[in-house]
N, C-alpha and C. Protein backbone atom coordinates (compact mmCIF):
# COMPACT_ATOMS: atom_id res chain seq x y z
N UNK A 1 91.01 152.25 166.81
CA UNK A 1 90.28 151.42 167.76
C UNK A 1 90.12 152.18 169.07
N UNK A 2 88.98 151.91 169.70
CA UNK A 2 88.70 152.53 170.99
C UNK A 2 89.30 151.70 172.12
N UNK A 3 89.34 152.29 173.29
CA UNK A 3 89.87 151.60 174.46
C UNK A 3 89.06 150.35 174.77
N UNK A 4 87.76 150.42 174.59
CA UNK A 4 86.93 149.24 174.88
C UNK A 4 87.25 148.09 173.94
N UNK A 5 87.66 148.40 172.71
CA UNK A 5 88.06 147.34 171.78
C UNK A 5 89.31 146.62 172.27
N UNK A 6 90.27 147.38 172.80
CA UNK A 6 91.49 146.77 173.34
C UNK A 6 91.18 145.92 174.57
N UNK A 7 90.26 146.40 175.38
CA UNK A 7 89.87 145.64 176.57
C UNK A 7 89.20 144.33 176.17
N UNK A 8 88.31 144.40 175.18
CA UNK A 8 87.65 143.18 174.71
C UNK A 8 88.65 142.22 174.07
N UNK A 9 89.61 142.75 173.35
CA UNK A 9 90.65 141.90 172.75
C UNK A 9 91.46 141.20 173.84
N UNK A 10 91.84 141.94 174.89
CA UNK A 10 92.58 141.36 176.00
C UNK A 10 91.74 140.29 176.71
N UNK A 11 90.46 140.58 176.92
CA UNK A 11 89.58 139.59 177.55
C UNK A 11 89.46 138.34 176.69
N UNK A 12 89.43 138.50 175.38
CA UNK A 12 89.37 137.35 174.48
C UNK A 12 90.63 136.50 174.59
N UNK A 13 91.79 137.15 174.72
CA UNK A 13 93.03 136.40 174.88
C UNK A 13 93.02 135.63 176.20
N UNK A 14 92.57 136.28 177.26
CA UNK A 14 92.52 135.63 178.56
C UNK A 14 91.54 134.46 178.53
N UNK A 15 90.38 134.65 177.92
CA UNK A 15 89.39 133.58 177.81
C UNK A 15 89.94 132.43 176.97
N UNK A 16 90.65 132.75 175.89
CA UNK A 16 91.22 131.72 175.04
C UNK A 16 92.28 130.89 175.75
N UNK A 17 93.13 131.55 176.53
CA UNK A 17 94.15 130.83 177.28
C UNK A 17 93.52 129.99 178.39
N UNK A 18 92.49 130.53 179.03
CA UNK A 18 91.80 129.79 180.09
C UNK A 18 91.06 128.58 179.53
N UNK A 19 90.44 128.74 178.36
CA UNK A 19 89.73 127.62 177.74
C UNK A 19 90.71 126.53 177.33
N UNK A 20 91.87 126.91 176.84
CA UNK A 20 92.88 125.91 176.48
C UNK A 20 93.40 125.19 177.71
N UNK A 21 93.61 125.93 178.80
CA UNK A 21 94.04 125.29 180.04
C UNK A 21 92.98 124.32 180.56
N UNK A 22 91.73 124.73 180.46
CA UNK A 22 90.64 123.83 180.85
C UNK A 22 90.60 122.59 179.96
N UNK A 23 90.84 122.77 178.67
CA UNK A 23 90.88 121.64 177.75
C UNK A 23 92.00 120.67 178.07
N UNK A 24 93.18 121.21 178.40
CA UNK A 24 94.30 120.35 178.78
C UNK A 24 93.98 119.61 180.06
N UNK A 25 93.40 120.32 181.03
CA UNK A 25 93.03 119.69 182.30
C UNK A 25 92.02 118.56 182.08
N UNK A 26 90.98 118.83 181.31
CA UNK A 26 89.97 117.80 181.05
C UNK A 26 90.55 116.60 180.32
N UNK A 27 91.42 116.86 179.35
CA UNK A 27 92.03 115.76 178.61
C UNK A 27 92.86 114.88 179.53
N UNK A 28 93.69 115.51 180.36
CA UNK A 28 94.56 114.73 181.23
C UNK A 28 93.76 113.99 182.32
N UNK A 29 92.70 114.59 182.79
CA UNK A 29 91.89 113.93 183.83
C UNK A 29 91.05 112.79 183.26
N UNK A 30 90.51 112.98 182.06
CA UNK A 30 89.58 112.00 181.51
C UNK A 30 90.26 110.88 180.72
N UNK A 31 91.35 111.18 180.05
CA UNK A 31 91.92 110.22 179.11
C UNK A 31 93.28 109.65 179.51
N UNK A 32 93.77 110.00 180.68
CA UNK A 32 95.01 109.40 181.16
C UNK A 32 94.76 108.78 182.52
N UNK A 33 95.60 107.84 182.87
CA UNK A 33 95.47 107.19 184.17
C UNK A 33 95.99 108.08 185.29
N UNK A 34 96.90 108.96 184.97
CA UNK A 34 97.45 109.88 185.97
C UNK A 34 96.51 111.07 186.13
N UNK A 35 96.72 111.83 187.19
CA UNK A 35 95.96 113.07 187.37
C UNK A 35 96.54 114.18 186.50
N UNK A 36 96.16 115.39 186.82
CA UNK A 36 96.61 116.52 186.03
C UNK A 36 98.11 116.76 186.20
N UNK A 37 98.57 116.84 187.42
CA UNK A 37 99.99 117.15 187.66
C UNK A 37 100.90 116.02 187.19
N UNK A 38 100.56 114.79 187.53
CA UNK A 38 101.39 113.66 187.09
C UNK A 38 101.31 113.48 185.58
N UNK A 39 100.13 113.66 185.03
CA UNK A 39 99.97 113.54 183.58
C UNK A 39 100.75 114.59 182.83
N UNK A 40 100.77 115.81 183.37
CA UNK A 40 101.51 116.89 182.74
C UNK A 40 103.01 116.62 182.74
N UNK A 41 103.52 116.14 183.88
CA UNK A 41 104.95 115.84 183.93
C UNK A 41 105.31 114.63 183.08
N UNK A 42 104.40 113.65 183.02
CA UNK A 42 104.64 112.47 182.17
C UNK A 42 104.65 112.85 180.70
N UNK A 43 103.68 113.67 180.29
CA UNK A 43 103.62 114.09 178.88
C UNK A 43 104.83 114.93 178.51
N UNK A 44 105.31 115.75 179.44
CA UNK A 44 106.49 116.55 179.16
C UNK A 44 107.73 115.67 179.03
N UNK A 45 107.84 114.65 179.89
CA UNK A 45 108.99 113.75 179.84
C UNK A 45 109.00 112.94 178.55
N UNK A 46 107.81 112.59 178.05
CA UNK A 46 107.72 111.80 176.82
C UNK A 46 107.74 112.66 175.57
N UNK A 47 107.75 113.98 175.73
CA UNK A 47 107.78 114.87 174.57
C UNK A 47 106.42 115.05 173.91
N UNK A 48 105.35 114.83 174.65
CA UNK A 48 104.01 114.93 174.09
C UNK A 48 103.25 116.15 174.58
N UNK A 49 103.91 117.05 175.26
CA UNK A 49 103.23 118.20 175.84
C UNK A 49 102.65 119.11 174.77
N UNK A 50 103.35 119.29 173.68
CA UNK A 50 102.84 120.11 172.58
C UNK A 50 101.56 119.56 172.00
N UNK A 51 101.48 118.25 171.89
CA UNK A 51 100.27 117.62 171.36
C UNK A 51 99.10 117.77 172.33
N UNK A 52 99.39 117.70 173.61
CA UNK A 52 98.33 117.86 174.61
C UNK A 52 97.81 119.30 174.60
N UNK A 53 98.70 120.27 174.44
CA UNK A 53 98.27 121.67 174.33
C UNK A 53 97.41 121.86 173.10
N UNK A 54 97.78 121.23 172.01
CA UNK A 54 96.99 121.33 170.78
C UNK A 54 95.60 120.75 170.96
N UNK A 55 95.50 119.63 171.63
CA UNK A 55 94.19 119.04 171.91
C UNK A 55 93.38 119.95 172.82
N UNK A 56 94.05 120.60 173.76
CA UNK A 56 93.36 121.49 174.68
C UNK A 56 92.76 122.72 174.00
N UNK A 57 93.33 123.13 172.88
CA UNK A 57 92.82 124.32 172.20
C UNK A 57 91.55 124.06 171.41
N UNK A 58 91.08 122.83 171.39
CA UNK A 58 89.83 122.53 170.69
C UNK A 58 88.67 123.30 171.33
N UNK A 59 88.73 123.53 172.62
CA UNK A 59 87.68 124.30 173.28
C UNK A 59 87.63 125.74 172.78
N UNK A 60 88.75 126.26 172.30
CA UNK A 60 88.76 127.61 171.74
C UNK A 60 87.84 127.72 170.53
N UNK A 61 87.71 126.66 169.78
CA UNK A 61 86.82 126.66 168.62
C UNK A 61 85.38 126.86 169.05
N UNK A 62 84.98 126.18 170.11
CA UNK A 62 83.62 126.31 170.62
C UNK A 62 83.38 127.72 171.15
N UNK A 63 84.34 128.23 171.92
CA UNK A 63 84.22 129.58 172.48
C UNK A 63 84.19 130.62 171.36
N UNK A 64 85.00 130.42 170.33
CA UNK A 64 85.02 131.34 169.19
C UNK A 64 83.66 131.45 168.54
N UNK A 65 83.02 130.32 168.27
CA UNK A 65 81.72 130.37 167.61
C UNK A 65 80.63 130.95 168.52
N UNK A 66 80.74 130.73 169.82
CA UNK A 66 79.79 131.34 170.75
C UNK A 66 79.94 132.86 170.72
N UNK A 67 81.18 133.34 170.73
CA UNK A 67 81.40 134.79 170.70
C UNK A 67 80.96 135.41 169.38
N UNK A 68 81.16 134.71 168.29
CA UNK A 68 80.68 135.21 166.99
C UNK A 68 79.16 135.29 166.99
N UNK A 69 78.52 134.27 167.56
CA UNK A 69 77.05 134.25 167.64
C UNK A 69 76.52 135.42 168.49
N UNK A 70 77.28 135.77 169.54
CA UNK A 70 76.88 136.88 170.42
C UNK A 70 77.33 138.24 169.90
N UNK A 71 77.93 138.26 168.71
CA UNK A 71 78.42 139.47 168.06
C UNK A 71 79.48 140.20 168.89
N UNK A 72 80.36 139.42 169.51
CA UNK A 72 81.51 139.96 170.25
C UNK A 72 82.76 139.73 169.39
N UNK A 73 82.87 140.52 168.33
CA UNK A 73 83.90 140.30 167.33
C UNK A 73 85.32 140.50 167.88
N UNK A 74 85.53 141.52 168.69
CA UNK A 74 86.87 141.75 169.21
C UNK A 74 87.29 140.66 170.18
N UNK A 75 86.36 140.14 170.95
CA UNK A 75 86.69 139.01 171.83
C UNK A 75 87.02 137.78 170.99
N UNK A 76 86.32 137.60 169.89
CA UNK A 76 86.62 136.48 169.00
C UNK A 76 88.01 136.64 168.41
N UNK A 77 88.42 137.87 168.09
CA UNK A 77 89.78 138.10 167.63
C UNK A 77 90.78 137.76 168.71
N UNK A 78 90.41 138.00 169.97
CA UNK A 78 91.27 137.62 171.08
C UNK A 78 91.45 136.12 171.17
N UNK A 79 90.39 135.37 170.89
CA UNK A 79 90.48 133.91 170.87
C UNK A 79 91.45 133.46 169.78
N UNK A 80 91.38 134.11 168.63
CA UNK A 80 92.30 133.79 167.54
C UNK A 80 93.74 134.10 167.95
N UNK A 81 93.93 135.24 168.61
CA UNK A 81 95.27 135.61 169.07
C UNK A 81 95.80 134.62 170.10
N UNK A 82 94.92 134.19 171.02
CA UNK A 82 95.33 133.20 172.03
C UNK A 82 95.70 131.88 171.36
N UNK A 83 94.96 131.50 170.35
CA UNK A 83 95.27 130.26 169.63
C UNK A 83 96.62 130.38 168.92
N UNK A 84 96.91 131.55 168.36
CA UNK A 84 98.21 131.76 167.72
C UNK A 84 99.34 131.72 168.74
N UNK A 85 99.11 132.30 169.91
CA UNK A 85 100.11 132.25 170.98
C UNK A 85 100.36 130.80 171.40
N UNK A 86 99.29 130.04 171.54
CA UNK A 86 99.43 128.62 171.91
C UNK A 86 100.12 127.82 170.81
N UNK A 87 99.91 128.19 169.56
CA UNK A 87 100.60 127.50 168.47
C UNK A 87 102.10 127.76 168.55
N UNK A 88 102.48 128.99 168.87
CA UNK A 88 103.90 129.29 169.04
C UNK A 88 104.49 128.54 170.23
N UNK A 89 103.73 128.46 171.31
CA UNK A 89 104.20 127.71 172.48
C UNK A 89 104.36 126.24 172.11
N UNK A 90 103.45 125.71 171.32
CA UNK A 90 103.53 124.31 170.89
C UNK A 90 104.79 124.07 170.07
N UNK A 91 105.16 125.03 169.23
CA UNK A 91 106.37 124.87 168.44
C UNK A 91 107.63 124.90 169.30
N UNK A 92 107.59 125.69 170.36
CA UNK A 92 108.74 125.81 171.25
C UNK A 92 108.88 124.55 172.11
N UNK A 93 107.75 124.07 172.61
CA UNK A 93 107.78 122.90 173.49
C UNK A 93 108.01 121.72 172.63
């Protein structure tokens, strides 16, 4: 692999983590009575933080298909890697 492939893979991971964070933020703002910070602490106290992270990763699916459509294969692999990292985090939390 070339250096540009590693850079694109890293960018895909960053985009995947950012999309998941955006998904968590949108979920907590739109579907809970609390805001983001209060909702996050409430979900953690109730043991639901892993489920919220899982819901947040739904945006990764959309980003993945957009990157595949744009023929950015290494970035799409980065999205897959970010999703795997988030799955491990979900198991830990």
